[in-house]
Amino acid sequence: MKNKLLYTFEEDLARRIKNPKFQKLWNESEIEYLLAKKLIEKRLLKKISQRELARKLNTSQAVISRIETMRGNPTLSLLKKIASALDTRLYLQFK
């Protein structure tokens, strides 16, 4: 069996973040990453699937998937509906 190189996400990120181009792209995608991460956490905490969440929102599972994979651009209205469906609150901030 061939030896496989194993490393964690954090180790890979620490290595990649040293590249200025990667760092710029990473920083630009931080908001989408944090949104996706929180959405997934809240959805899993409620023990519902993407399909079930989509059904509650009268949308498709693909819409939820795009948000969770940082390929979607959800409206504020949709984010409010998601928060309500997950029985949580939506907070937006400018820092």
PDB file of N, CA and C in Angstrom:
ATOM      1  N   MET A   1       0.838  -1.181   0.000  1.00  0.00           N
ATOM      2  CA  MET A   1       0.000   0.000   0.000  1.00  0.00           C
ATOM      3  C   MET A   1       0.887   1.250   0.000  1.00  0.00           C
ATOM      4  N   LYS A   2       0.530   2.206  -0.829  1.00  0.00           N
ATOM      5  CA  LYS A   2       1.313   3.433  -0.910  1.00  0.00           C
ATOM      6  C   LYS A   2       1.049   4.299   0.311  1.00  0.00           C
ATOM      7  N   ASN A   3       2.091   5.007   0.735  1.00  0.00           N
ATOM      8  CA  ASN A   3       1.923   5.943   1.846  1.00  0.00           C
ATOM      9  C   ASN A   3       1.143   7.151   1.356  1.00  0.00           C
ATOM     10  N   LYS A   4       0.167   7.550   2.122  1.00  0.00           N
ATOM     11  CA  LYS A   4      -0.612   8.728   1.782  1.00  0.00           C
ATOM     12  C   LYS A   4      -0.210   9.856   2.717  1.00  0.00           C
ATOM     13  N   LEU A   5      -0.134  11.032   2.154  1.00  0.00           N
ATOM     14  CA  LEU A   5       0.172  12.214   2.941  1.00  0.00           C
ATOM     15  C   LEU A   5      -1.111  12.681   3.613  1.00  0.00           C
ATOM     16  N   LEU A   6      -1.140  12.696   4.925  1.00  0.00           N
ATOM     17  CA  LEU A   6      -2.319  13.112   5.675  1.00  0.00           C
ATOM     18  C   LEU A   6      -2.027  14.409   6.412  1.00  0.00           C
ATOM     19  N   TYR A   7      -2.952  15.334   6.308  1.00  0.00           N
ATOM     20  CA  TYR A   7      -2.820  16.592   7.027  1.00  0.00           C
ATOM     21  C   TYR A   7      -4.214  17.154   7.263  1.00  0.00           C
ATOM     22  N   THR A   8      -4.300  18.037   8.233  1.00  0.00           N
ATOM     23  CA  THR A   8      -5.601  18.604   8.578  1.00  0.00           C
ATOM     24  C   THR A   8      -5.892  19.832   7.719  1.00  0.00           C
ATOM     25  N   PHE A   9      -7.141  20.225   7.733  1.00  0.00           N
ATOM     26  CA  PHE A   9      -7.544  21.449   7.036  1.00  0.00           C
ATOM     27  C   PHE A   9      -6.739  22.634   7.560  1.00  0.00           C
ATOM     28  N   GLU A  10      -6.604  22.717   8.874  1.00  0.00           N
ATOM     29  CA  GLU A  10      -5.892  23.835   9.480  1.00  0.00           C
ATOM     30  C   GLU A  10      -4.428  23.872   9.037  1.00  0.00           C
ATOM     31  N   GLU A  11      -3.794  22.699   8.954  1.00  0.00           N
ATOM     32  CA  GLU A  11      -2.400  22.643   8.501  1.00  0.00           C
ATOM     33  C   GLU A  11      -2.283  23.081   7.042  1.00  0.00           C
ATOM     34  N   ASP A  12      -3.208  22.626   6.222  1.00  0.00           N
ATOM     35  CA  ASP A  12      -3.190  23.006   4.809  1.00  0.00           C
ATOM     36  C   ASP A  12      -3.443  24.503   4.659  1.00  0.00           C
ATOM     37  N   LEU A  13      -4.398  25.022   5.402  1.00  0.00           N
ATOM     38  CA  LEU A  13      -4.690  26.451   5.344  1.00  0.00           C
ATOM     39  C   LEU A  13      -3.494  27.277   5.783  1.00  0.00           C
ATOM     40  N   ALA A  14      -2.836  26.873   6.866  1.00  0.00           N
ATOM     41  CA  ALA A  14      -1.665  27.608   7.358  1.00  0.00           C
ATOM     42  C   ALA A  14      -0.581  27.674   6.285  1.00  0.00           C
ATOM     43  N   ARG A  15      -0.446  26.607   5.523  1.00  0.00           N
ATOM     44  CA  ARG A  15       0.556  26.583   4.458  1.00  0.00           C
ATOM     45  C   ARG A  15       0.107  27.472   3.292  1.00  0.00           C
ATOM     46  N   ARG A  16      -1.133  27.325   2.884  1.00  0.00           N
ATOM     47  CA  ARG A  16      -1.632  28.067   1.722  1.00  0.00           C
ATOM     48  C   ARG A  16      -1.762  29.564   1.966  1.00  0.00           C
ATOM     49  N   ILE A  17      -2.073  29.946   3.198  1.00  0.00           N
ATOM     50  CA  ILE A  17      -2.336  31.354   3.503  1.00  0.00           C
ATOM     51  C   ILE A  17      -1.084  32.210   3.331  1.00  0.00           C
ATOM     52  N   LYS A  18       0.075  31.578   3.262  1.00  0.00           N
ATOM     53  CA  LYS A  18       1.329  32.307   3.038  1.00  0.00           C
ATOM     54  C   LYS A  18       1.435  32.835   1.611  1.00  0.00           C
ATOM     55  N   ASN A  19       0.651  32.251   0.706  1.00  0.00           N
ATOM     56  CA  ASN A  19       0.630  32.702  -0.685  1.00  0.00           C
ATOM     57  C   ASN A  19      -0.261  33.942  -0.771  1.00  0.00           C
ATOM     58  N   PRO A  20       0.279  35.103  -1.201  1.00  0.00           N
ATOM     59  CA  PRO A  20      -0.502  36.349  -1.228  1.00  0.00           C
ATOM     60  C   PRO A  20      -1.789  36.260  -2.060  1.00  0.00           C
ATOM     61  N   LYS A  21      -1.745  35.561  -3.199  1.00  0.00           N
ATOM     62  CA  LYS A  21      -2.953  35.432  -4.022  1.00  0.00           C
ATOM     63  C   LYS A  21      -4.025  34.631  -3.279  1.00  0.00           C
ATOM     64  N   PHE A  22      -3.606  33.529  -2.664  1.00  0.00           N
ATOM     65  CA  PHE A  22      -4.555  32.714  -1.908  1.00  0.00           C
ATOM     66  C   PHE A  22      -5.104  33.506  -0.731  1.00  0.00           C
ATOM     67  N   GLN A  23      -4.236  34.216  -0.026  1.00  0.00           N
ATOM     68  CA  GLN A  23      -4.665  34.990   1.142  1.00  0.00           C
ATOM     69  C   GLN A  23      -5.714  36.033   0.749  1.00  0.00           C
ATOM     70  N   LYS A  24      -5.512  36.692  -0.385  1.00  0.00           N
ATOM     71  CA  LYS A  24      -6.469  37.690  -0.852  1.00  0.00           C
ATOM     72  C   LYS A  24      -7.826  37.032  -1.128  1.00  0.00           C
ATOM     73  N   LEU A  25      -7.822  35.909  -1.840  1.00  0.00           N
ATOM     74  CA  LEU A  25      -9.066  35.207  -2.139  1.00  0.00           C
ATOM     75  C   LEU A  25      -9.732  34.683  -0.872  1.00  0.00           C
ATOM     76  N   TRP A  26      -8.938  34.171   0.047  1.00  0.00           N
ATOM     77  CA  TRP A  26      -9.471  33.670   1.312  1.00  0.00           C
ATOM     78  C   TRP A  26     -10.166  34.795   2.081  1.00  0.00           C
ATOM     79  N   ASN A  27      -9.504  35.929   2.176  1.00  0.00           N
ATOM     80  CA  ASN A  27     -10.079  37.057   2.903  1.00  0.00           C
ATOM     81  C   ASN A  27     -11.358  37.555   2.245  1.00  0.00           C
ATOM     82  N   GLU A  28     -11.389  37.559   0.918  1.00  0.00           N
ATOM     83  CA  GLU A  28     -12.569  38.012   0.195  1.00  0.00           C
ATOM     84  C   GLU A  28     -13.757  37.066   0.371  1.00  0.00           C
ATOM     85  N   SER A  29     -13.492  35.809   0.659  1.00  0.00           N
ATOM     86  CA  SER A  29     -14.581  34.833   0.787  1.00  0.00           C
ATOM     87  C   SER A  29     -14.959  34.552   2.244  1.00  0.00           C
ATOM     88  N   GLU A  30     -14.403  35.290   3.166  1.00  0.00           N
ATOM     89  CA  GLU A  30     -14.645  35.022   4.591  1.00  0.00           C
ATOM     90  C   GLU A  30     -16.126  35.119   4.955  1.00  0.00           C
ATOM     91  N   ILE A  31     -16.827  36.098   4.445  1.00  0.00           N
ATOM     92  CA  ILE A  31     -18.235  36.272   4.791  1.00  0.00           C
ATOM     93  C   ILE A  31     -19.055  35.063   4.331  1.00  0.00           C
ATOM     94  N   GLU A  32     -18.817  34.634   3.102  1.00  0.00           N
ATOM     95  CA  GLU A  32     -19.535  33.477   2.576  1.00  0.00           C
ATOM     96  C   GLU A  32     -19.204  32.224   3.379  1.00  0.00           C
ATOM     97  N   TYR A  33     -17.938  32.087   3.759  1.00  0.00           N
ATOM     98  CA  TYR A  33     -17.511  30.928   4.549  1.00  0.00           C
ATOM     99  C   TYR A  33     -18.223  30.907   5.901  1.00  0.00           C
ATOM    100  N   LEU A  34     -18.222  32.040   6.582  1.00  0.00           N
ATOM    101  CA  LEU A  34     -18.847  32.103   7.905  1.00  0.00           C
ATOM    102  C   LEU A  34     -20.352  31.848   7.814  1.00  0.00           C
ATOM    103  N   LEU A  35     -20.982  32.396   6.781  1.00  0.00           N
ATOM    104  CA  LEU A  35     -22.414  32.154   6.585  1.00  0.00           C
ATOM    105  C   LEU A  35     -22.676  30.671   6.361  1.00  0.00           C
ATOM    106  N   ALA A  36     -21.924  30.067   5.467  1.00  0.00           N
ATOM    107  CA  ALA A  36     -22.107  28.638   5.164  1.00  0.00           C
ATOM    108  C   ALA A  36     -21.876  27.786   6.402  1.00  0.00           C
ATOM    109  N   LYS A  37     -20.821  28.086   7.130  1.00  0.00           N
ATOM    110  CA  LYS A  37     -20.479  27.321   8.328  1.00  0.00           C
ATOM    111  C   LYS A  37     -21.607  27.390   9.356  1.00  0.00           C
ATOM    112  N   LYS A  38     -22.104  28.586   9.619  1.00  0.00           N
ATOM    113  CA  LYS A  38     -23.173  28.752  10.607  1.00  0.00           C
ATOM    114  C   LYS A  38     -24.467  28.092  10.156  1.00  0.00           C
ATOM    115  N   LEU A  39     -24.782  28.222   8.875  1.00  0.00           N
ATOM    116  CA  LEU A  39     -25.991  27.597   8.363  1.00  0.00           C
ATOM    117  C   LEU A  39     -25.932  26.087   8.542  1.00  0.00           C
ATOM    118  N   ILE A  40     -24.814  25.499   8.180  1.00  0.00           N
ATOM    119  CA  ILE A  40     -24.651  24.049   8.331  1.00  0.00           C
ATOM    120  C   ILE A  40     -24.748  23.652   9.806  1.00  0.00           C
ATOM    121  N   GLU A  41     -24.053  24.407  10.674  1.00  0.00           N
ATOM    122  CA  GLU A  41     -24.096  24.098  12.110  1.00  0.00           C
ATOM    123  C   GLU A  41     -25.524  24.138  12.644  1.00  0.00           C
ATOM    124  N   LYS A  42     -26.251  25.200  12.321  1.00  0.00           N
ATOM    125  CA  LYS A  42     -27.622  25.352  12.820  1.00  0.00           C
ATOM    126  C   LYS A  42     -28.539  24.267  12.264  1.00  0.00           C
ATOM    127  N   ARG A  43     -28.388  23.964  10.972  1.00  0.00           N
ATOM    128  CA  ARG A  43     -29.230  22.947  10.350  1.00  0.00           C
ATOM    129  C   ARG A  43     -28.975  21.578  10.973  1.00  0.00           C
ATOM    130  N   LEU A  44     -27.698  21.248  11.184  1.00  0.00           N
ATOM    131  CA  LEU A  44     -27.373  19.953  11.788  1.00  0.00           C
ATOM    132  C   LEU A  44     -27.814  19.885  13.250  1.00  0.00           C
ATOM    133  N   LEU A  45     -27.719  20.999  13.949  1.00  0.00           N
ATOM    134  CA  LEU A  45     -28.177  21.053  15.335  1.00  0.00           C
ATOM    135  C   LEU A  45     -29.673  20.753  15.421  1.00  0.00           C
ATOM    136  N   LYS A  46     -30.425  21.219  14.437  1.00  0.00           N
ATOM    137  CA  LYS A  46     -31.864  20.959  14.382  1.00  0.00           C
ATOM    138  C   LYS A  46     -32.177  19.582  13.790  1.00  0.00           C
ATOM    139  N   LYS A  47     -31.138  18.903  13.317  1.00  0.00           N
ATOM    140  CA  LYS A  47     -31.262  17.554  12.749  1.00  0.00           C
ATOM    141  C   LYS A  47     -32.223  17.513  11.559  1.00  0.00           C
ATOM    142  N   ILE A  48     -32.043  18.489  10.660  1.00  0.00           N
ATOM    143  CA  ILE A  48     -32.848  18.470   9.440  1.00  0.00           C
ATOM    144  C   ILE A  48     -31.926  18.485   8.221  1.00  0.00           C
ATOM    145  N   SER A  49     -32.400  17.888   7.166  1.00  0.00           N
ATOM    146  CA  SER A  49     -31.621  17.811   5.927  1.00  0.00           C
ATOM    147  C   SER A  49     -31.787  19.096   5.120  1.00  0.00           C
ATOM    148  N   GLN A  50     -30.949  19.221   4.113  1.00  0.00           N
ATOM    149  CA  GLN A  50     -31.100  20.354   3.198  1.00  0.00           C
ATOM    150  C   GLN A  50     -32.482  20.313   2.550  1.00  0.00           C
ATOM    151  N   ARG A  51     -32.913  19.137   2.182  1.00  0.00           N
ATOM    152  CA  ARG A  51     -34.219  18.970   1.526  1.00  0.00           C
ATOM    153  C   ARG A  51     -35.352  19.416   2.455  1.00  0.00           C
ATOM    154  N   GLU A  52     -35.272  19.028   3.724  1.00  0.00           N
ATOM    155  CA  GLU A  52     -36.313  19.418   4.678  1.00  0.00           C
ATOM    156  C   GLU A  52     -36.327  20.936   4.887  1.00  0.00           C
ATOM    157  N   LEU A  53     -35.149  21.523   4.981  1.00  0.00           N
ATOM    158  CA  LEU A  53     -35.072  22.977   5.142  1.00  0.00           C
ATOM    159  C   LEU A  53     -35.647  23.666   3.913  1.00  0.00           C
ATOM    160  N   ALA A  54     -35.283  23.191   2.757  1.00  0.00           N
ATOM    161  CA  ALA A  54     -35.797  23.770   1.511  1.00  0.00           C
ATOM    162  C   ALA A  54     -37.320  23.681   1.463  1.00  0.00           C
ATOM    163  N   ARG A  55     -37.864  22.562   1.875  1.00  0.00           N
ATOM    164  CA  ARG A  55     -39.320  22.376   1.882  1.00  0.00           C
ATOM    165  C   ARG A  55     -39.980  23.425   2.785  1.00  0.00           C
ATOM    166  N   LYS A  56     -39.380  23.669   3.949  1.00  0.00           N
ATOM    167  CA  LYS A  56     -39.929  24.675   4.869  1.00  0.00           C
ATOM    168  C   LYS A  56     -39.916  26.073   4.248  1.00  0.00           C
ATOM    169  N   LEU A  57     -38.952  26.309   3.350  1.00  0.00           N
ATOM    170  CA  LEU A  57     -38.785  27.628   2.746  1.00  0.00           C
ATOM    171  C   LEU A  57     -39.464  27.742   1.389  1.00  0.00           C
ATOM    172  N   ASN A  58     -40.092  26.655   0.968  1.00  0.00           N
ATOM    173  CA  ASN A  58     -40.718  26.616  -0.351  1.00  0.00           C
ATOM    174  C   ASN A  58     -39.703  26.932  -1.459  1.00  0.00           C
ATOM    175  N   THR A  59     -38.545  26.305  -1.353  1.00  0.00           N
ATOM    176  CA  THR A  59     -37.496  26.452  -2.354  1.00  0.00           C
ATOM    177  C   THR A  59     -36.921  25.073  -2.632  1.00  0.00           C
ATOM    178  N   SER A  60     -35.843  25.012  -3.371  1.00  0.00           N
ATOM    179  CA  SER A  60     -35.248  23.720  -3.708  1.00  0.00           C
ATOM    180  C   SER A  60     -34.047  23.404  -2.821  1.00  0.00           C
ATOM    181  N   GLN A  61     -33.749  22.123  -2.746  1.00  0.00           N
ATOM    182  CA  GLN A  61     -32.564  21.678  -2.006  1.00  0.00           C
ATOM    183  C   GLN A  61     -31.317  22.267  -2.630  1.00  0.00           C
ATOM    184  N   ALA A  62     -31.317  22.475  -3.950  1.00  0.00           N
ATOM    185  CA  ALA A  62     -30.154  23.035  -4.647  1.00  0.00           C
ATOM    186  C   ALA A  62     -29.831  24.447  -4.151  1.00  0.00           C
ATOM    187  N   VAL A  63     -30.852  25.223  -3.816  1.00  0.00           N
ATOM    188  CA  VAL A  63     -30.638  26.579  -3.294  1.00  0.00           C
ATOM    189  C   VAL A  63     -29.880  26.508  -1.969  1.00  0.00           C
ATOM    190  N   ILE A  64     -30.306  25.610  -1.091  1.00  0.00           N
ATOM    191  CA  ILE A  64     -29.641  25.449   0.205  1.00  0.00           C
ATOM    192  C   ILE A  64     -28.211  24.957  -0.009  1.00  0.00           C
ATOM    193  N   SER A  65     -28.035  24.008  -0.897  1.00  0.00           N
ATOM    194  CA  SER A  65     -26.710  23.476  -1.196  1.00  0.00           C
ATOM    195  C   SER A  65     -25.770  24.565  -1.701  1.00  0.00           C
ATOM    196  N   ARG A  66     -26.266  25.424  -2.584  1.00  0.00           N
ATOM    197  CA  ARG A  66     -25.417  26.496  -3.118  1.00  0.00           C
ATOM    198  C   ARG A  66     -24.968  27.444  -2.013  1.00  0.00           C
ATOM    199  N   ILE A  67     -25.850  27.739  -1.089  1.00  0.00           N
ATOM    200  CA  ILE A  67     -25.458  28.621   0.023  1.00  0.00           C
ATOM    201  C   ILE A  67     -24.412  27.925   0.883  1.00  0.00           C
ATOM    202  N   GLU A  68     -24.642  26.661   1.191  1.00  0.00           N
ATOM    203  CA  GLU A  68     -23.727  25.915   2.065  1.00  0.00           C
ATOM    204  C   GLU A  68     -22.379  25.633   1.413  1.00  0.00           C
ATOM    205  N   THR A  69     -22.315  25.680   0.095  1.00  0.00           N
ATOM    206  CA  THR A  69     -21.033  25.446  -0.589  1.00  0.00           C
ATOM    207  C   THR A  69     -20.444  26.757  -1.112  1.00  0.00           C
ATOM    208  N   MET A  70     -20.991  27.862  -0.649  1.00  0.00           N
ATOM    209  CA  MET A  70     -20.481  29.200  -0.956  1.00  0.00           C
ATOM    210  C   MET A  70     -20.579  29.539  -2.447  1.00  0.00           C
ATOM    211  N   ARG A  71     -21.532  28.952  -3.130  1.00  0.00           N
ATOM    212  CA  ARG A  71     -21.734  29.264  -4.542  1.00  0.00           C
ATOM    213  C   ARG A  71     -23.008  30.050  -4.773  1.00  0.00           C
ATOM    214  N   GLY A  72     -23.756  30.278  -3.713  1.00  0.00           N
ATOM    215  CA  GLY A  72     -25.007  31.010  -3.832  1.00  0.00           C
ATOM    216  C   GLY A  72     -24.852  32.452  -3.388  1.00  0.00           C
ATOM    217  N   ASN A  73     -25.811  33.258  -3.740  1.00  0.00           N
ATOM    218  CA  ASN A  73     -25.830  34.651  -3.322  1.00  0.00           C
ATOM    219  C   ASN A  73     -27.227  34.930  -2.763  1.00  0.00           C
ATOM    220  N   PRO A  74     -27.480  34.469  -1.527  1.00  0.00           N
ATOM    221  CA  PRO A  74     -28.845  34.585  -0.984  1.00  0.00           C
ATOM    222  C   PRO A  74     -29.227  36.027  -0.701  1.00  0.00           C
ATOM    223  N   THR A  75     -30.497  36.303  -0.883  1.00  0.00           N
ATOM    224  CA  THR A  75     -31.007  37.636  -0.547  1.00  0.00           C
ATOM    225  C   THR A  75     -31.166  37.742   0.969  1.00  0.00           C
ATOM    226  N   LEU A  76     -31.283  38.951   1.433  1.00  0.00           N
ATOM    227  CA  LEU A  76     -31.530  39.169   2.854  1.00  0.00           C
ATOM    228  C   LEU A  76     -32.859  38.543   3.250  1.00  0.00           C
ATOM    229  N   SER A  77     -33.828  38.642   2.378  1.00  0.00           N
ATOM    230  CA  SER A  77     -35.140  38.041   2.635  1.00  0.00           C
ATOM    231  C   SER A  77     -35.026  36.534   2.832  1.00  0.00           C
ATOM    232  N   LEU A  78     -34.259  35.860   1.986  1.00  0.00           N
ATOM    233  CA  LEU A  78     -34.078  34.413   2.125  1.00  0.00           C
ATOM    234  C   LEU A  78     -33.341  34.088   3.421  1.00  0.00           C
ATOM    235  N   LEU A  79     -32.338  34.876   3.765  1.00  0.00           N
ATOM    236  CA  LEU A  79     -31.606  34.632   5.013  1.00  0.00           C
ATOM    237  C   LEU A  79     -32.525  34.769   6.231  1.00  0.00           C
ATOM    238  N   LYS A  80     -33.418  35.738   6.201  1.00  0.00           N
ATOM    239  CA  LYS A  80     -34.392  35.889   7.293  1.00  0.00           C
ATOM    240  C   LYS A  80     -35.296  34.663   7.387  1.00  0.00           C
ATOM    241  N   LYS A  81     -35.746  34.164   6.229  1.00  0.00           N
ATOM    242  CA  LYS A  81     -36.600  32.982   6.212  1.00  0.00           C
ATOM    243  C   LYS A  81     -35.857  31.757   6.734  1.00  0.00           C
ATOM    244  N   ILE A  82     -34.590  31.638   6.356  1.00  0.00           N
ATOM    245  CA  ILE A  82     -33.774  30.515   6.841  1.00  0.00           C
ATOM    246  C   ILE A  82     -33.645  30.591   8.357  1.00  0.00           C
ATOM    247  N   ALA A  83     -33.345  31.776   8.866  1.00  0.00           N
ATOM    248  CA  ALA A  83     -33.205  31.951  10.318  1.00  0.00           C
ATOM    249  C   ALA A  83     -34.493  31.561  11.027  1.00  0.00           C
ATOM    250  N   SER A  84     -35.618  31.995  10.494  1.00  0.00           N
ATOM    251  CA  SER A  84     -36.904  31.662  11.095  1.00  0.00           C
ATOM    252  C   SER A  84     -37.157  30.156  11.051  1.00  0.00           C
ATOM    253  N   ALA A  85     -36.880  29.534   9.915  1.00  0.00           N
ATOM    254  CA  ALA A  85     -37.100  28.086   9.771  1.00  0.00           C
ATOM    255  C   ALA A  85     -36.215  27.287  10.718  1.00  0.00           C
ATOM    256  N   LEU A  86     -35.044  27.836  11.044  1.00  0.00           N
ATOM    257  CA  LEU A  86     -34.120  27.154  11.952  1.00  0.00           C
ATOM    258  C   LEU A  86     -34.310  27.605  13.396  1.00  0.00           C
ATOM    259  N   ASP A  87     -35.344  28.437  13.627  1.00  0.00           N
ATOM    260  CA  ASP A  87     -35.652  28.933  14.969  1.00  0.00           C
ATOM    261  C   ASP A  87     -34.428  29.608  15.604  1.00  0.00           C
ATOM    262  N   THR A  88     -33.817  30.491  14.829  1.00  0.00           N
ATOM    263  CA  THR A  88     -32.650  31.224  15.300  1.00  0.00           C
ATOM    264  C   THR A  88     -32.774  32.670  14.836  1.00  0.00           C
ATOM    265  N   ARG A  89     -31.844  33.499  15.217  1.00  0.00           N
ATOM    266  CA  ARG A  89     -31.874  34.911  14.838  1.00  0.00           C
ATOM    267  C   ARG A  89     -30.758  35.205  13.860  1.00  0.00           C
ATOM    268  N   LEU A  90     -31.021  36.152  12.982  1.00  0.00           N
ATOM    269  CA  LEU A  90     -30.033  36.585  11.991  1.00  0.00           C
ATOM    270  C   LEU A  90     -29.462  37.918  12.461  1.00  0.00           C
ATOM    271  N   TYR A  91     -28.139  37.999  12.516  1.00  0.00           N
ATOM    272  CA  TYR A  91     -27.467  39.242  12.884  1.00  0.00           C
ATOM    273  C   TYR A  91     -26.539  39.626  11.754  1.00  0.00           C
ATOM    274  N   LEU A  92     -26.591  40.890  11.359  1.00  0.00           N
ATOM    275  CA  LEU A  92     -25.678  41.441  10.370  1.00  0.00           C
ATOM    276  C   LEU A  92     -24.902  42.565  11.025  1.00  0.00           C
ATOM    277  N   GLN A  93     -23.623  42.681  10.708  1.00  0.00           N
ATOM    278  CA  GLN A  93     -22.805  43.715  11.325  1.00  0.00           C
ATOM    279  C   GLN A  93     -21.862  44.334  10.303  1.00  0.00           C
ATOM    280  N   PHE A  94     -21.549  45.585  10.526  1.00  0.00           N
ATOM    281  CA  PHE A  94     -20.446  46.239   9.845  1.00  0.00           C
ATOM    282  C   PHE A  94     -19.405  46.519  10.922  1.00  0.00           C
ATOM    283  N   LYS A  95     -18.178  46.121  10.677  1.00  0.00           N
ATOM    284  CA  LYS A  95     -17.125  46.371  11.673  1.00  0.00           C
ATOM    285  C   LYS A  95     -16.067  47.261  11.085  1.00  0.00           C
TER     286      LYS A  95
END
